[in-house]
C-alpha atoms as a PDB file:
ATOM      1  CA  MET A   1     -73.743  82.367 177.313  1.00  0.00           C
ATOM      2  CA  ILE A   2     -77.135  80.759 177.622  1.00  0.00           C
ATOM      3  CA  PHE A   3     -78.371  80.037 173.873  1.00  0.00           C
ATOM      4  CA  TYR A   4     -81.808  79.197 172.734  1.00  0.00           C
ATOM      5  CA  SER A   5     -83.088  77.678 169.933  1.00  0.00           C
ATOM      6  CA  PRO A   6     -84.370  80.217 166.946  1.00  0.00           C
ATOM      7  CA  GLU A   7     -87.958  79.321 168.192  1.00  0.00           C
ATOM      8  CA  LYS A   8     -87.493  80.224 171.911  1.00  0.00           C
ATOM      9  CA  ALA A   9     -85.111  83.383 171.024  1.00  0.00           C
ATOM     10  CA  ILE A  10     -88.130  84.670 168.833  1.00  0.00           C
ATOM     11  CA  LEU A  11     -90.717  83.952 171.578  1.00  0.00           C
ATOM     12  CA  ILE A  12     -88.515  85.613 174.116  1.00  0.00           C
ATOM     13  CA  ALA A  13     -88.278  88.790 171.828  1.00  0.00           C
ATOM     14  CA  LEU A  14     -91.971  88.711 171.068  1.00  0.00           C
ATOM     15  CA  LEU A  15     -92.809  88.679 174.780  1.00  0.00           C
ATOM     16  CA  ALA A  16     -90.404  91.020 175.744  1.00  0.00           C
ATOM     17  CA  ILE A  17     -92.191  93.537 173.130  1.00  0.00           C
ATOM     18  CA  ALA A  18     -95.454  92.601 174.601  1.00  0.00           C
ATOM     19  CA  VAL A  19     -94.121  93.329 178.137  1.00  0.00           C
ATOM     20  CA  ASP A  20     -92.778  96.713 176.824  1.00  0.00           C
ATOM     21  CA  TRP A  21     -96.027  97.524 175.062  1.00  0.00           C
ATOM     22  CA  LEU A  22     -98.228  96.983 178.127  1.00  0.00           C
ATOM     23  CA  VAL A  23     -96.032  97.742 181.000  1.00  0.00           C
ATOM     24  CA  GLY A  24     -92.925  99.986 180.064  1.00  0.00           C
ATOM     25  CA  ASP A  25     -90.640 100.810 182.998  1.00  0.00           C
ATOM     26  CA  PRO A  26     -92.508 100.162 186.242  1.00  0.00           C
ATOM     27  CA  VAL A  27     -91.465 102.832 188.675  1.00  0.00           C
ATOM     28  CA  ARG A  28     -91.098 100.805 191.662  1.00  0.00           C
ATOM     29  CA  LEU A  29     -89.080  98.000 190.169  1.00  0.00           C
ATOM     30  CA  PRO A  30     -85.195  97.902 190.002  1.00  0.00           C
ATOM     31  CA  HIS A  31     -84.234  98.878 186.385  1.00  0.00           C
ATOM     32  CA  PRO A  32     -80.679  97.503 184.988  1.00  0.00           C
ATOM     33  CA  VAL A  33     -80.090 100.678 183.163  1.00  0.00           C
ATOM     34  CA  VAL A  34     -79.912 102.511 186.543  1.00  0.00           C
ATOM     35  CA  GLY A  35     -77.430  99.940 187.648  1.00  0.00           C
ATOM     36  CA  ILE A  36     -75.393 100.467 184.552  1.00  0.00           C
ATOM     37  CA  GLY A  37     -75.400 104.270 184.879  1.00  0.00           C
ATOM     38  CA  ARG A  38     -74.186 104.072 188.510  1.00  0.00           C
ATOM     39  CA  LEU A  39     -71.533 101.625 187.534  1.00  0.00           C
ATOM     40  CA  ILE A  40     -70.234 104.108 184.796  1.00  0.00           C
ATOM     41  CA  SER A  41     -70.543 107.073 187.197  1.00  0.00           C
ATOM     42  CA  THR A  42     -68.389 105.405 189.631  1.00  0.00           C
ATOM     43  CA  LEU A  43     -65.629 104.246 187.346  1.00  0.00           C
ATOM     44  CA  GLU A  44     -65.599 107.556 185.595  1.00  0.00           C
ATOM     45  CA  LYS A  45     -64.913 109.109 188.821  1.00  0.00           C
ATOM     46  CA  ARG A  46     -61.798 106.600 189.515  1.00  0.00           C
ATOM     47  CA  LEU A  47     -60.404 106.569 186.014  1.00  0.00           C
ATOM     48  CA  LEU A  48     -60.794 110.098 184.598  1.00  0.00           C
ATOM     49  CA  ARG A  49     -57.826 112.467 185.333  1.00  0.00           C
ATOM     50  CA  PRO A  50     -56.092 115.156 183.474  1.00  0.00           C
ATOM     51  CA  GLU A  51     -53.559 113.058 181.676  1.00  0.00           C
ATOM     52  CA  ALA A  52     -51.780 112.669 178.265  1.00  0.00           C
ATOM     53  CA  ALA A  53     -54.347 111.945 175.370  1.00  0.00           C
ATOM     54  CA  TRP A  54     -53.369 108.211 174.900  1.00  0.00           C
ATOM     55  CA  LYS A  55     -53.721 107.183 178.670  1.00  0.00           C
ATOM     56  CA  VAL A  56     -57.154 108.871 178.969  1.00  0.00           C
ATOM     57  CA  ARG A  57     -58.247 106.932 175.670  1.00  0.00           C
ATOM     58  CA  GLY A  58     -56.679 103.851 176.939  1.00  0.00           C
ATOM     59  CA  LYS A  59     -58.882 104.159 180.204  1.00  0.00           C
ATOM     60  CA  GLY A  60     -61.970 105.177 178.336  1.00  0.00           C
ATOM     61  CA  ILE A  61     -61.210 101.564 176.452  1.00  0.00           C
ATOM     62  CA  VAL A  62     -60.983 100.030 180.015  1.00  0.00           C
ATOM     63  CA  LEU A  63     -64.449 101.701 180.934  1.00  0.00           C
ATOM     64  CA  THR A  64     -66.204 100.459 177.768  1.00  0.00           C
ATOM     65  CA  LEU A  65     -64.802  96.684 178.252  1.00  0.00           C
ATOM     66  CA  THR A  66     -65.382  96.654 181.830  1.00  0.00           C
ATOM     67  CA  VAL A  67     -69.114  97.999 181.617  1.00  0.00           C
ATOM     68  CA  THR A  68     -70.256  96.205 178.725  1.00  0.00           C
ATOM     69  CA  LEU A  69     -68.907  92.682 179.972  1.00  0.00           C
ATOM     70  CA  ALA A  70     -70.055  93.470 183.273  1.00  0.00           C
ATOM     71  CA  ALA A  71     -73.741  94.005 182.205  1.00  0.00           C
ATOM     72  CA  MET A  72     -73.507  90.954 179.944  1.00  0.00           C
ATOM     73  CA  ALA A  73     -72.162  88.979 182.778  1.00  0.00           C
ATOM     74  CA  ALA A  74     -74.718  90.214 185.129  1.00  0.00           C
ATOM     75  CA  ALA A  75     -77.719  89.346 182.687  1.00  0.00           C
ATOM     76  CA  TRP A  76     -76.071  85.893 182.209  1.00  0.00           C
ATOM     77  CA  GLY A  77     -75.793  85.332 185.961  1.00  0.00           C
ATOM     78  CA  VAL A  78     -79.549  86.311 186.630  1.00  0.00           C
ATOM     79  CA  VAL A  79     -80.729  84.048 183.791  1.00  0.00           C
ATOM     80  CA  ALA A  80     -78.392  81.095 184.923  1.00  0.00           C
ATOM     81  CA  LEU A  81     -79.709  81.327 188.759  1.00  0.00           C
ATOM     82  CA  ALA A  82     -83.461  81.414 187.615  1.00  0.00           C
ATOM     83  CA  ARG A  83     -82.859  78.572 185.030  1.00  0.00           C
ATOM     84  CA  TRP A  84     -81.221  76.639 187.965  1.00  0.00           C
ATOM     85  CA  ILE A  85     -84.284  77.165 189.985  1.00  0.00           C
ATOM     86  CA  HIS A  86     -86.627  76.301 187.221  1.00  0.00           C
ATOM     87  CA  PRO A  87     -86.204  76.373 183.075  1.00  0.00           C
ATOM     88  CA  TRP A  88     -89.555  78.547 183.063  1.00  0.00           C
ATOM     89  CA  LEU A  89     -88.246  80.707 185.587  1.00  0.00           C
ATOM     90  CA  GLY A  90     -85.113  81.259 183.495  1.00  0.00           C
ATOM     91  CA  PHE A  91     -87.263  81.675 180.602  1.00  0.00           C
ATOM     92  CA  ALA A  92     -89.326  84.502 182.260  1.00  0.00           C
ATOM     93  CA  ALA A  93     -86.019  86.096 183.515  1.00  0.00           C
ATOM     94  CA  ASN A  94     -84.731  86.486 179.871  1.00  0.00           C
ATOM     95  CA  VAL A  95     -88.043  87.786 178.782  1.00  0.00           C
ATOM     96  CA  TRP A  96     -87.959  90.393 181.565  1.00  0.00           C
ATOM     97  CA  LEU A  97     -84.538  91.592 181.185  1.00  0.00           C
ATOM     98  CA  VAL A  98     -84.985  91.917 177.288  1.00  0.00           C
ATOM     99  CA  SER A  99     -88.107  93.906 178.318  1.00  0.00           C
ATOM    100  CA  THR A 100     -86.089  96.500 180.229  1.00  0.00           C
ATOM    101  CA  THR A 101     -83.552  97.138 177.172  1.00  0.00           C
ATOM    102  CA  LEU A 102     -86.593  98.098 175.270  1.00  0.00           C
ATOM    103  CA  ALA A 103     -88.272 101.671 175.582  1.00  0.00           C
ATOM    104  CA  VAL A 104     -91.406 101.994 173.025  1.00  0.00           C
ATOM    105  CA  LYS A 105     -93.909 102.732 175.737  1.00  0.00           C
ATOM    106  CA  GLY A 106     -91.575 104.940 177.553  1.00  0.00           C
ATOM    107  CA  LEU A 107     -90.097 106.882 174.620  1.00  0.00           C
ATOM    108  CA  LYS A 108     -94.117 107.549 173.887  1.00  0.00           C
ATOM    109  CA  GLN A 109     -94.584 108.749 177.465  1.00  0.00           C
ATOM    110  CA  ALA A 110     -91.495 110.921 177.192  1.00  0.00           C
ATOM    111  CA  ALA A 111     -92.988 112.664 173.951  1.00  0.00           C
ATOM    112  CA  ILE A 112     -96.400 112.900 175.318  1.00  0.00           C
ATOM    113  CA  ARG A 113     -95.177 114.632 178.365  1.00  0.00           C
ATOM    114  CA  VAL A 114     -93.366 117.204 175.725  1.00  0.00           C
ATOM    115  CA  TYR A 115     -96.750 117.518 173.573  1.00  0.00           C
ATOM    116  CA  GLU A 116     -99.389 118.282 176.371  1.00  0.00           C
ATOM    117  CA  PRO A 117     -98.053 121.486 177.823  1.00  0.00           C
ATOM    118  CA  LEU A 118     -97.007 122.240 174.089  1.00  0.00           C
ATOM    119  CA  ILE A 119    -100.791 122.174 172.950  1.00  0.00           C
ATOM    120  CA  ARG A 120    -101.803 124.387 176.088  1.00  0.00           C
ATOM    121  CA  GLY A 121     -99.189 126.686 175.140  1.00  0.00           C
ATOM    122  CA  ASP A 122     -97.037 126.331 178.543  1.00  0.00           C
ATOM    123  CA  MET A 123     -93.911 126.902 176.765  1.00  0.00           C
ATOM    124  CA  ALA A 124     -92.061 126.817 180.393  1.00  0.00           C
ATOM    125  CA  GLU A 125     -93.090 123.387 181.246  1.00  0.00           C
ATOM    126  CA  ALA A 126     -92.731 122.006 177.578  1.00  0.00           C
ATOM    127  CA  ARG A 127     -88.937 123.460 177.630  1.00  0.00           C
ATOM    128  CA  VAL A 128     -88.549 121.489 180.939  1.00  0.00           C
ATOM    129  CA  LYS A 129     -90.052 118.193 179.796  1.00  0.00           C
ATOM    130  CA  VAL A 130     -88.051 118.261 176.647  1.00  0.00           C
ATOM    131  CA  GLY A 131     -84.812 119.052 178.477  1.00  0.00           C
ATOM    132  CA  TRP A 132     -85.416 115.638 180.137  1.00  0.00           C
ATOM    133  CA  ILE A 133     -84.808 113.714 176.726  1.00  0.00           C
ATOM    134  CA  VAL A 134     -82.413 115.952 174.785  1.00  0.00           C
ATOM    135  CA  GLY A 135     -78.752 117.213 175.619  1.00  0.00           C
ATOM    136  CA  ARG A 136     -79.451 120.704 174.137  1.00  0.00           C
ATOM    137  CA  ASP A 137     -80.142 123.907 175.947  1.00  0.00           C
ATOM    138  CA  THR A 138     -83.756 124.284 175.984  1.00  0.00           C
ATOM    139  CA  ASP A 139     -84.593 127.298 178.034  1.00  0.00           C
ATOM    140  CA  GLU A 140     -85.133 129.521 174.929  1.00  0.00           C
ATOM    141  CA  LEU A 141     -86.628 127.065 172.547  1.00  0.00           C
ATOM    142  CA  ASP A 142     -89.920 128.146 170.776  1.00  0.00           C
ATOM    143  CA  GLU A 143     -92.974 125.949 170.181  1.00  0.00           C
ATOM    144  CA  LYS A 144     -91.236 124.689 166.597  1.00  0.00           C
ATOM    145  CA  GLU A 145     -88.027 123.961 168.192  1.00  0.00           C
ATOM    146  CA  VAL A 146     -89.251 121.988 171.207  1.00  0.00           C
ATOM    147  CA  SER A 147     -91.446 120.032 168.626  1.00  0.00           C
ATOM    148  CA  ARG A 148     -88.249 119.525 166.697  1.00  0.00           C
ATOM    149  CA  ALA A 149     -86.073 118.144 169.470  1.00  0.00           C
ATOM    150  CA  ALA A 150     -88.968 116.076 170.310  1.00  0.00           C
ATOM    151  CA  VAL A 151     -89.403 114.511 166.947  1.00  0.00           C
ATOM    152  CA  GLU A 152     -85.731 113.967 166.583  1.00  0.00           C
ATOM    153  CA  THR A 153     -85.363 112.081 169.783  1.00  0.00           C
ATOM    154  CA  VAL A 154     -88.280 109.954 168.978  1.00  0.00           C
ATOM    155  CA  ALA A 155     -86.811 109.100 165.468  1.00  0.00           C
ATOM    156  CA  GLU A 156     -82.976 108.613 166.483  1.00  0.00           C
ATOM    157  CA  ASN A 157     -84.297 106.362 169.691  1.00  0.00           C
ATOM    158  CA  THR A 158     -86.353 104.220 167.394  1.00  0.00           C
ATOM    159  CA  VAL A 159     -82.955 102.528 166.721  1.00  0.00           C
ATOM    160  CA  ASP A 160     -81.412 102.790 170.154  1.00  0.00           C
ATOM    161  CA  ALA A 161     -84.489 102.070 172.374  1.00  0.00           C
ATOM    162  CA  PHE A 162     -86.207  99.182 170.260  1.00  0.00           C
ATOM    163  CA  VAL A 163     -84.586  98.198 166.912  1.00  0.00           C
ATOM    164  CA  SER A 164     -81.019  97.412 168.234  1.00  0.00           C
ATOM    165  CA  PRO A 165     -81.381  95.783 171.479  1.00  0.00           C
ATOM    166  CA  LEU A 166     -84.366  93.505 169.997  1.00  0.00           C
ATOM    167  CA  LEU A 167     -81.585  92.281 167.310  1.00  0.00           C
ATOM    168  CA  PHE A 168     -79.061  91.638 169.836  1.00  0.00           C
ATOM    169  CA  ALA A 169     -81.851  89.743 171.772  1.00  0.00           C
ATOM    170  CA  LEU A 170     -82.319  87.723 168.907  1.00  0.00           C
ATOM    171  CA  ILE A 171     -78.529  86.827 168.778  1.00  0.00           C
ATOM    172  CA  GLY A 172     -78.090  86.061 172.472  1.00  0.00           C
ATOM    173  CA  ALA A 173     -81.255  86.673 174.457  1.00  0.00           C
ATOM    174  CA  ALA A 174     -80.985  88.946 177.676  1.00  0.00           C
ATOM    175  CA  PRO A 175     -76.894  88.927 178.120  1.00  0.00           C
ATOM    176  CA  MET A 176     -76.405  90.322 174.230  1.00  0.00           C
ATOM    177  CA  ALA A 177     -79.343  92.748 174.775  1.00  0.00           C
ATOM    178  CA  MET A 178     -77.986  93.944 177.898  1.00  0.00           C
ATOM    179  CA  LEU A 179     -74.261  94.129 176.411  1.00  0.00           C
ATOM    180  CA  TYR A 180     -76.064  96.639 173.822  1.00  0.00           C
ATOM    181  CA  ARG A 181     -77.746  98.502 176.360  1.00  0.00           C
ATOM    182  CA  ALA A 182     -74.723  99.153 178.451  1.00  0.00           C
ATOM    183  CA  ALA A 183     -72.766 100.395 175.408  1.00  0.00           C
ATOM    184  CA  ASN A 184     -75.630 102.710 174.256  1.00  0.00           C
ATOM    185  CA  THR A 185     -75.895 103.939 177.940  1.00  0.00           C
ATOM    186  CA  LEU A 186     -72.198 104.587 177.720  1.00  0.00           C
ATOM    187  CA  ASP A 187     -72.302 106.750 174.590  1.00  0.00           C
ATOM    188  CA  SER A 188     -75.260 108.750 176.358  1.00  0.00           C
ATOM    189  CA  MET A 189     -72.900 109.345 179.357  1.00  0.00           C
ATOM    190  CA  VAL A 190     -69.402 109.918 177.984  1.00  0.00           C
ATOM    191  CA  GLY A 191     -69.469 109.776 174.207  1.00  0.00           C
ATOM    192  CA  TYR A 192     -69.223 113.304 173.414  1.00  0.00           C
ATOM    193  CA  ARG A 193     -66.727 115.015 171.536  1.00  0.00           C
ATOM    194  CA  ASN A 194     -66.252 118.126 173.890  1.00  0.00           C
ATOM    195  CA  ASP A 195     -63.049 118.753 175.704  1.00  0.00           C
ATOM    196  CA  LYS A 196     -63.849 116.464 178.923  1.00  0.00           C
ATOM    197  CA  TYR A 197     -64.960 113.262 176.868  1.00  0.00           C
ATOM    198  CA  ARG A 198     -63.071 113.668 173.499  1.00  0.00           C
ATOM    199  CA  TYR A 199     -60.643 111.041 174.369  1.00  0.00           C
ATOM    200  CA  PHE A 200     -62.051 109.226 177.331  1.00  0.00           C
ATOM    201  CA  GLY A 201     -65.496 108.523 175.403  1.00  0.00           C
ATOM    202  CA  TRP A 202     -63.817 107.518 172.044  1.00  0.00           C
ATOM    203  CA  ALA A 203     -64.238 103.771 172.671  1.00  0.00           C
ATOM    204  CA  SER A 204     -67.712 104.358 174.003  1.00  0.00           C
ATOM    205  CA  ALA A 205     -68.802 106.291 170.947  1.00  0.00           C
ATOM    206  CA  ARG A 206     -67.196 104.216 168.345  1.00  0.00           C
ATOM    207  CA  LEU A 207     -68.638 101.014 170.255  1.00  0.00           C
ATOM    208  CA  ASP A 208     -72.079 102.353 169.969  1.00  0.00           C
ATOM    209  CA  ASP A 209     -71.662 103.505 166.200  1.00  0.00           C
ATOM    210  CA  ALA A 210     -70.615  99.695 165.336  1.00  0.00           C
ATOM    211  CA  LEU A 211     -73.564  98.173 167.302  1.00  0.00           C
ATOM    212  CA  ASN A 212     -75.859 100.238 165.845  1.00  0.00           C
ATOM    213  CA  TRP A 213     -74.706 100.092 162.099  1.00  0.00           C
ATOM    214  CA  ILE A 214     -76.951  97.500 160.814  1.00  0.00           C
ATOM    215  CA  PRO A 215     -79.894  98.155 163.125  1.00  0.00           C
ATOM    216  CA  ALA A 216     -80.197 101.689 162.042  1.00  0.00           C
ATOM    217  CA  ARG A 217     -80.035 100.727 158.460  1.00  0.00           C
ATOM    218  CA  LEU A 218     -82.669  98.308 158.825  1.00  0.00           C
ATOM    219  CA  THR A 219     -84.860 100.823 160.877  1.00  0.00           C
ATOM    220  CA  GLY A 220     -84.713 102.932 157.693  1.00  0.00           C
ATOM    221  CA  TRP A 221     -86.491 100.739 155.668  1.00  0.00           C
ATOM    222  CA  LEU A 222     -88.916  99.738 158.618  1.00  0.00           C
ATOM    223  CA  LEU A 223     -89.895 103.513 158.886  1.00  0.00           C
ATOM    224  CA  VAL A 224     -90.372 103.642 155.120  1.00  0.00           C
ATOM    225  CA  ALA A 225     -92.704 100.666 155.554  1.00  0.00           C
ATOM    226  CA  ALA A 226     -94.336 102.456 158.654  1.00  0.00           C
ATOM    227  CA  ALA A 227     -95.127 105.570 156.638  1.00  0.00           C
ATOM    228  CA  ALA A 228     -96.876 103.523 153.826  1.00  0.00           C
ATOM    229  CA  CYS A 229     -99.290 102.356 156.451  1.00  0.00           C
ATOM    230  CA  MET A 230    -100.144 105.918 157.612  1.00  0.00           C
ATOM    231  CA  LYS A 231    -102.156 108.785 156.715  1.00  0.00           C
ATOM    232  CA  ARG A 232    -100.576 112.240 155.955  1.00  0.00           C
ATOM    233  CA  ALA A 233     -96.920 110.286 155.487  1.00  0.00           C
ATOM    234  CA  SER A 234     -95.049 109.364 152.326  1.00  0.00           C
ATOM    235  CA  ALA A 235     -93.194 106.245 152.276  1.00  0.00           C
ATOM    236  CA  ALA A 236     -91.471 107.557 148.887  1.00  0.00           C
ATOM    237  CA  ASP A 237     -90.436 110.847 150.529  1.00  0.00           C
ATOM    238  CA  ALA A 238     -89.058 108.892 153.267  1.00  0.00           C
ATOM    239  CA  ARG A 239     -86.918 106.506 151.204  1.00  0.00           C
ATOM    240  CA  ARG A 240     -85.670 109.585 149.146  1.00  0.00           C
ATOM    241  CA  ALA A 241     -84.693 111.620 152.083  1.00  0.00           C
ATOM    242  CA  VAL A 242     -82.645 108.755 153.578  1.00  0.00           C
ATOM    243  CA  ARG A 243     -80.638 108.598 150.307  1.00  0.00           C
ATOM    244  CA  ARG A 244     -80.358 112.441 150.169  1.00  0.00           C
ATOM    245  CA  PHE A 245     -79.909 113.675 153.803  1.00  0.00           C
ATOM    246  CA  ALA A 246     -78.713 110.805 156.149  1.00  0.00           C
ATOM    247  CA  ARG A 247     -75.040 111.177 155.159  1.00  0.00           C
ATOM    248  CA  LEU A 248     -74.898 114.537 156.132  1.00  0.00           C
ATOM    249  CA  HIS A 249     -75.483 113.995 159.816  1.00  0.00           C
ATOM    250  CA  PRO A 250     -72.469 113.701 161.950  1.00  0.00           C
ATOM    251  CA  SER A 251     -73.414 110.318 163.179  1.00  0.00           C
ATOM    252  CA  PRO A 252     -72.997 107.671 161.043  1.00  0.00           C
ATOM    253  CA  ASN A 253     -76.240 106.017 162.154  1.00  0.00           C
ATOM    254  CA  SER A 254     -78.811 108.686 163.560  1.00  0.00           C
ATOM    255  CA  GLY A 255     -79.205 110.513 160.257  1.00  0.00           C
ATOM    256  CA  ILE A 256     -80.979 107.486 158.707  1.00  0.00           C
ATOM    257  CA  PRO A 257     -84.140 107.359 161.297  1.00  0.00           C
ATOM    258  CA  GLU A 258     -84.224 111.243 161.326  1.00  0.00           C
ATOM    259  CA  SER A 259     -84.208 111.699 157.545  1.00  0.00           C
ATOM    260  CA  ALA A 260     -86.835 109.018 157.172  1.00  0.00           C
ATOM    261  CA  VAL A 261     -89.093 110.775 159.682  1.00  0.00           C
ATOM    262  CA  ALA A 262     -88.363 114.042 158.173  1.00  0.00           C
ATOM    263  CA  GLY A 263     -89.300 112.768 154.678  1.00  0.00           C
ATOM    264  CA  ALA A 264     -92.062 110.884 155.591  1.00  0.00           C
ATOM    265  CA  LEU A 265     -93.877 113.782 157.308  1.00  0.00           C
ATOM    266  CA  GLY A 266     -92.942 116.470 154.968  1.00  0.00           C
ATOM    267  CA  ILE A 267     -91.052 118.398 157.553  1.00  0.00           C
ATOM    268  CA  GLU A 268     -87.338 119.771 158.095  1.00  0.00           C
ATOM    269  CA  LEU A 269     -85.448 118.355 161.137  1.00  0.00           C
ATOM    270  CA  GLY A 270     -81.739 119.525 162.209  1.00  0.00           C
ATOM    271  CA  GLY A 271     -80.585 123.208 162.473  1.00  0.00           C
ATOM    272  CA  THR A 272     -79.347 125.212 165.050  1.00  0.00           C
ATOM    273  CA  ASN A 273     -78.835 123.675 168.609  1.00  0.00           C
ATOM    274  CA  ARG A 274     -76.809 124.889 171.680  1.00  0.00           C
ATOM    275  CA  TYR A 275     -75.251 122.685 173.881  1.00  0.00           C
ATOM    276  CA  GLY A 276     -73.852 124.679 176.899  1.00  0.00           C
ATOM    277  CA  GLY A 277     -74.130 127.889 175.307  1.00  0.00           C
ATOM    278  CA  VAL A 278     -72.100 126.954 172.280  1.00  0.00           C
ATOM    279  CA  VAL A 279     -73.815 126.708 168.995  1.00  0.00           C
ATOM    280  CA  SER A 280     -73.633 123.640 166.802  1.00  0.00           C
ATOM    281  CA  GLU A 281     -75.199 123.854 163.545  1.00  0.00           C
ATOM    282  CA  ARG A 282     -76.722 120.404 162.182  1.00  0.00           C
ATOM    283  CA  ALA A 283     -77.253 119.252 158.708  1.00  0.00           C
ATOM    284  CA  ARG A 284     -80.941 120.035 157.783  1.00  0.00           C
ATOM    285  CA  MET A 285     -83.016 116.894 156.965  1.00  0.00           C
ATOM    286  CA  GLY A 286     -86.009 117.027 154.708  1.00  0.00           C
ATOM    287  CA  TRP A 287     -88.157 119.026 152.577  1.00  0.00           C
ATOM    288  CA  PRO A 288     -89.845 121.582 154.322  1.00  0.00           C
ATOM    289  CA  ARG A 289     -93.440 121.013 152.730  1.00  0.00           C
ATOM    290  CA  ARG A 290     -95.324 122.574 155.782  1.00  0.00           C
ATOM    291  CA  PRO A 291     -94.242 124.072 159.053  1.00  0.00           C
ATOM    292  CA  LEU A 292     -93.237 121.828 161.835  1.00  0.00           C
ATOM    293  CA  GLU A 293     -96.018 121.673 164.457  1.00  0.00           C
ATOM    294  CA  PRO A 294     -96.586 119.850 167.964  1.00  0.00           C
ATOM    295  CA  ASP A 295     -98.881 117.153 166.223  1.00  0.00           C
ATOM    296  CA  ASP A 296     -95.460 115.926 164.531  1.00  0.00           C
ATOM    297  CA  ILE A 297     -94.710 114.714 167.715  1.00  0.00           C
ATOM    298  CA  ILE A 298     -97.634 112.309 167.925  1.00  0.00           C
ATOM    299  CA  ARG A 299     -96.908 111.507 164.225  1.00  0.00           C
ATOM    300  CA  SER A 300     -93.380 110.458 164.888  1.00  0.00           C
ATOM    301  CA  VAL A 301     -94.738 108.284 167.818  1.00  0.00           C
ATOM    302  CA  ARG A 302     -97.005 106.583 165.380  1.00  0.00           C
ATOM    303  CA  MET A 303     -93.950 105.902 162.990  1.00  0.00           C
ATOM    304  CA  LEU A 304     -92.206 104.306 166.230  1.00  0.00           C
ATOM    305  CA  TYR A 305     -95.103 102.030 166.975  1.00  0.00           C
ATOM    306  CA  GLY A 306     -95.600 101.452 163.375  1.00  0.00           C
ATOM    307  CA  THR A 307     -91.975  99.897 163.194  1.00  0.00           C
ATOM    308  CA  SER A 308     -92.603  97.686 166.392  1.00  0.00           C
ATOM    309  CA  TYR A 309     -95.585  96.515 164.845  1.00  0.00           C
ATOM    310  CA  ILE A 310     -94.061  95.507 161.732  1.00  0.00           C
ATOM    311  CA  ILE A 311     -91.280  93.881 163.309  1.00  0.00           C
ATOM    312  CA  ALA A 312     -93.710  91.913 165.985  1.00  0.00           C
ATOM    313  CA  GLY A 313     -95.719  90.823 163.062  1.00  0.00           C
ATOM    314  CA  GLY A 314     -92.714  89.646 161.137  1.00  0.00           C
ATOM    315  CA  LEU A 315     -91.397  87.677 164.221  1.00  0.00           C
ATOM    316  CA  LEU A 316     -94.601  86.099 164.832  1.00  0.00           C
ATOM    317  CA  CYS A 317     -94.938  85.011 161.297  1.00  0.00           C
ATOM    318  CA  VAL A 318     -91.304  83.416 161.572  1.00  0.00           C
ATOM    319  CA  TRP A 319     -92.103  81.755 164.938  1.00  0.00           C
ATOM    320  CA  LEU A 320     -95.456  80.364 163.661  1.00  0.00           C
ATOM    321  CA  ILE A 321     -93.559  78.987 160.437  1.00  0.00           C
ATOM    322  CA  ILE A 322     -90.996  77.302 162.780  1.00  0.00           C
ATOM    323  CA  ALA A 323     -93.057  76.051 165.574  1.00  0.00           C
ATOM    324  CA  PHE A 324     -95.650  74.561 163.567  1.00  0.00           C
ATOM    325  CA  GLY A 325     -94.692  74.598 159.689  1.00  0.00           C
ATOM    326  CA  THR A 326     -92.122  71.739 159.987  1.00  0.00           C
ATOM    327  CA  ARG A 327     -94.412  69.333 162.045  1.00  0.00           C
END
């Protein structure tokens, strides 16, 4: 692993945040997550067979270890090669690779693609666009349910698409950030509790839960702080909602950001979802002080950006203290 001093690790993280804010995911550049997804699909085809549960679970463990370690090793190799050419090129490679594990701008763009047809009244397009970012059935959702799906996705991905990869980048720069992104991609592709993936995706789902455990709880407090800086948002209700509702969510982590956003905005998240025609009742989070509306998508994006601003500001202060405070 290529380790950096705290000063350089923080600078890598700050520059990666800036790249994500300004550039996002350029369509024409190769994205590491695409490669991770292809590797998962290839290995799944080779490993997943109708077998005894313990064998399927064992192969799922092999899949999880192979993909995460391969992603980490590939990031290490790219940085090492770039660093061999020139130290500054290695530093730039680290910044770029870390930025690809963040998705603040991409998440905002995905949410806006849902919001715009909603406010035009084009429900057909809104259902299609929200179907790009959620796993539930969307073909019969009304305006409120489309808005809820988008808000829940932005809230949950405040952890997955920003806080978690950034914390792992601070620990081990690009290799550790890419390990996290591989684990999260595994969970999104095979970490389901359905008949197909119940055993095969068990290791991927458990690893993702473990890696997100601390970041999710940190995100809860960051969302409370973001709510305190916003109009028409309640930091106190965000904090109370996390205490009251987060534990009701089937995920040990996702309920924290979702309940924080619900409490802050005075809306109710959760409820009835359908996956492949099968009804799933999710715990309801927050107090419905008003009806959920399309503008709540924009408010959830503001909370996402507020969280990123708070982290970036905190990291900048720490970097300035380390870089200049001891000289």
